[in-house]
N, C-alpha and C. Protein backbone atom coordinates (compact mmCIF):
# COMPACT_ATOMS: atom_id res chain seq x y z
N UNK A 1 -14.06 19.41 -2.34
CA UNK A 1 -14.51 18.43 -3.32
C UNK A 1 -15.99 18.66 -3.59
N UNK A 2 -16.36 18.57 -4.85
CA UNK A 2 -17.74 18.77 -5.27
C UNK A 2 -18.57 17.53 -4.97
N UNK A 3 -19.81 17.73 -4.49
CA UNK A 3 -20.71 16.61 -4.24
C UNK A 3 -21.26 16.12 -5.58
N UNK A 4 -21.05 14.85 -5.88
CA UNK A 4 -21.50 14.29 -7.16
C UNK A 4 -22.55 13.20 -6.98
N UNK A 5 -22.98 12.96 -5.75
CA UNK A 5 -23.87 11.84 -5.45
C UNK A 5 -25.13 11.84 -6.29
N UNK A 6 -25.76 12.98 -6.48
CA UNK A 6 -27.03 13.04 -7.20
C UNK A 6 -26.88 13.46 -8.66
N UNK A 7 -25.66 13.48 -9.17
CA UNK A 7 -25.46 13.83 -10.58
C UNK A 7 -26.13 12.80 -11.48
N UNK A 8 -26.58 13.26 -12.63
CA UNK A 8 -27.14 12.39 -13.66
C UNK A 8 -26.03 11.97 -14.60
N UNK A 9 -25.85 10.67 -14.79
CA UNK A 9 -24.82 10.17 -15.71
C UNK A 9 -25.36 10.30 -17.12
N UNK A 10 -24.63 11.01 -17.96
CA UNK A 10 -25.02 11.22 -19.35
C UNK A 10 -24.36 10.16 -20.24
N UNK A 11 -23.06 9.93 -20.02
CA UNK A 11 -22.34 8.94 -20.81
C UNK A 11 -21.07 8.55 -20.06
N UNK A 12 -20.43 7.49 -20.54
CA UNK A 12 -19.13 7.11 -20.00
C UNK A 12 -18.29 6.50 -21.09
N UNK A 13 -16.97 6.56 -20.90
CA UNK A 13 -16.04 5.91 -21.82
C UNK A 13 -15.07 5.07 -20.99
N UNK A 14 -14.69 3.94 -21.56
CA UNK A 14 -13.72 3.05 -20.94
C UNK A 14 -12.52 2.99 -21.87
N UNK A 15 -11.36 3.43 -21.40
CA UNK A 15 -10.12 3.40 -22.19
C UNK A 15 -9.24 2.30 -21.61
N UNK A 16 -9.25 1.15 -22.25
CA UNK A 16 -8.50 0.00 -21.73
C UNK A 16 -7.00 0.20 -21.83
N UNK A 17 -6.53 0.89 -22.86
CA UNK A 17 -5.09 1.11 -23.01
C UNK A 17 -4.55 2.04 -21.91
N UNK A 18 -5.33 3.02 -21.52
CA UNK A 18 -4.89 3.97 -20.48
C UNK A 18 -5.42 3.62 -19.10
N UNK A 19 -6.15 2.51 -18.98
CA UNK A 19 -6.73 2.06 -17.71
C UNK A 19 -7.53 3.17 -17.03
N UNK A 20 -8.46 3.74 -17.80
CA UNK A 20 -9.20 4.90 -17.31
C UNK A 20 -10.67 4.80 -17.70
N UNK A 21 -11.55 5.18 -16.76
CA UNK A 21 -12.98 5.32 -17.03
C UNK A 21 -13.35 6.77 -16.79
N UNK A 22 -14.06 7.36 -17.75
CA UNK A 22 -14.48 8.76 -17.64
C UNK A 22 -16.00 8.84 -17.74
N UNK A 23 -16.61 9.51 -16.77
CA UNK A 23 -18.05 9.74 -16.77
C UNK A 23 -18.32 11.20 -17.10
N UNK A 24 -19.28 11.43 -17.99
CA UNK A 24 -19.81 12.76 -18.24
C UNK A 24 -21.14 12.82 -17.50
N UNK A 25 -21.27 13.77 -16.55
CA UNK A 25 -22.47 13.87 -15.75
C UNK A 25 -23.00 15.29 -15.77
N UNK A 26 -24.22 15.42 -15.27
CA UNK A 26 -24.82 16.73 -15.06
C UNK A 26 -25.15 16.87 -13.58
N UNK A 27 -24.75 17.98 -12.99
CA UNK A 27 -25.00 18.20 -11.58
C UNK A 27 -25.43 19.63 -11.32
N UNK A 28 -25.36 20.01 -10.06
CA UNK A 28 -25.75 21.37 -9.70
C UNK A 28 -27.25 21.55 -9.72
N UNK A 29 -27.68 22.80 -9.65
CA UNK A 29 -29.11 23.10 -9.65
C UNK A 29 -29.73 22.66 -10.97
N UNK A 30 -30.80 21.88 -10.87
CA UNK A 30 -31.53 21.38 -12.03
C UNK A 30 -30.67 20.52 -12.96
N UNK A 31 -29.62 19.90 -12.45
CA UNK A 31 -28.72 19.07 -13.27
C UNK A 31 -28.33 19.79 -14.55
N UNK A 32 -27.83 21.01 -14.42
CA UNK A 32 -27.49 21.82 -15.59
C UNK A 32 -25.99 22.10 -15.71
N UNK A 33 -25.20 21.62 -14.74
CA UNK A 33 -23.77 21.89 -14.75
C UNK A 33 -23.02 20.63 -15.20
N UNK A 34 -22.30 20.68 -16.34
CA UNK A 34 -21.53 19.51 -16.78
C UNK A 34 -20.36 19.24 -15.84
N UNK A 35 -20.22 17.97 -15.45
CA UNK A 35 -19.14 17.56 -14.55
C UNK A 35 -18.51 16.30 -15.12
N UNK A 36 -17.17 16.30 -15.28
CA UNK A 36 -16.45 15.12 -15.74
C UNK A 36 -15.80 14.44 -14.54
N UNK A 37 -15.97 13.13 -14.43
CA UNK A 37 -15.40 12.34 -13.34
C UNK A 37 -14.50 11.29 -13.97
N UNK A 38 -13.23 11.22 -13.52
CA UNK A 38 -12.29 10.24 -14.07
C UNK A 38 -11.77 9.32 -12.98
N UNK A 39 -11.73 8.03 -13.31
CA UNK A 39 -11.10 7.02 -12.48
C UNK A 39 -9.87 6.54 -13.25
N UNK A 40 -8.71 6.57 -12.60
CA UNK A 40 -7.48 6.16 -13.28
C UNK A 40 -6.91 4.90 -12.62
N UNK A 41 -6.03 4.22 -13.34
CA UNK A 41 -5.44 2.96 -12.89
C UNK A 41 -6.51 1.90 -12.63
N UNK A 42 -7.50 1.83 -13.50
CA UNK A 42 -8.61 0.88 -13.39
C UNK A 42 -8.19 -0.45 -14.02
N UNK A 43 -8.37 -1.53 -13.29
CA UNK A 43 -8.03 -2.85 -13.81
C UNK A 43 -9.22 -3.54 -14.47
N UNK A 44 -10.43 -3.30 -13.95
CA UNK A 44 -11.63 -3.94 -14.49
C UNK A 44 -12.83 -3.08 -14.11
N UNK A 45 -13.95 -3.32 -14.78
CA UNK A 45 -15.17 -2.61 -14.44
C UNK A 45 -16.38 -3.49 -14.70
N UNK A 46 -17.48 -3.22 -13.98
CA UNK A 46 -18.74 -3.91 -14.18
C UNK A 46 -19.85 -3.01 -13.66
N UNK A 47 -20.84 -2.75 -14.49
CA UNK A 47 -21.99 -1.98 -14.08
C UNK A 47 -23.17 -2.94 -14.01
N UNK A 48 -23.45 -3.42 -12.81
CA UNK A 48 -24.41 -4.51 -12.62
C UNK A 48 -25.86 -4.05 -12.74
N UNK A 49 -26.21 -2.98 -12.09
CA UNK A 49 -27.61 -2.56 -12.04
C UNK A 49 -27.77 -1.10 -12.44
N UNK A 50 -27.42 -0.78 -13.67
CA UNK A 50 -27.58 0.59 -14.14
C UNK A 50 -29.05 0.87 -14.43
N UNK A 51 -29.47 2.10 -14.20
CA UNK A 51 -30.83 2.49 -14.49
C UNK A 51 -31.00 2.70 -16.00
N UNK A 52 -32.07 2.19 -16.55
CA UNK A 52 -32.32 2.35 -17.97
C UNK A 52 -32.36 3.84 -18.32
N UNK A 53 -31.59 4.20 -19.34
CA UNK A 53 -31.54 5.59 -19.76
C UNK A 53 -30.51 6.44 -19.06
N UNK A 54 -29.88 5.91 -18.00
CA UNK A 54 -28.91 6.71 -17.27
C UNK A 54 -27.51 6.61 -17.87
N UNK A 55 -27.25 5.55 -18.61
CA UNK A 55 -25.94 5.37 -19.25
C UNK A 55 -26.15 5.02 -20.71
N UNK A 56 -25.54 5.79 -21.59
CA UNK A 56 -25.60 5.51 -23.01
C UNK A 56 -24.34 4.76 -23.41
N UNK A 57 -24.48 3.56 -23.90
CA UNK A 57 -23.31 2.79 -24.29
C UNK A 57 -23.12 2.82 -25.78
């Protein structure tokens, strides 16, 4: 499994019909490698303390 802890979040989408959240991130050396992260069977979501500029809504 790839380490994603320090990836930079570029954007995310929430698909309520498919119960899925998808994050587009940048990781690897110098945050230059695009990485997609998907959560499936999601019932709800809340991003309480996002960093300004880290998520484009």
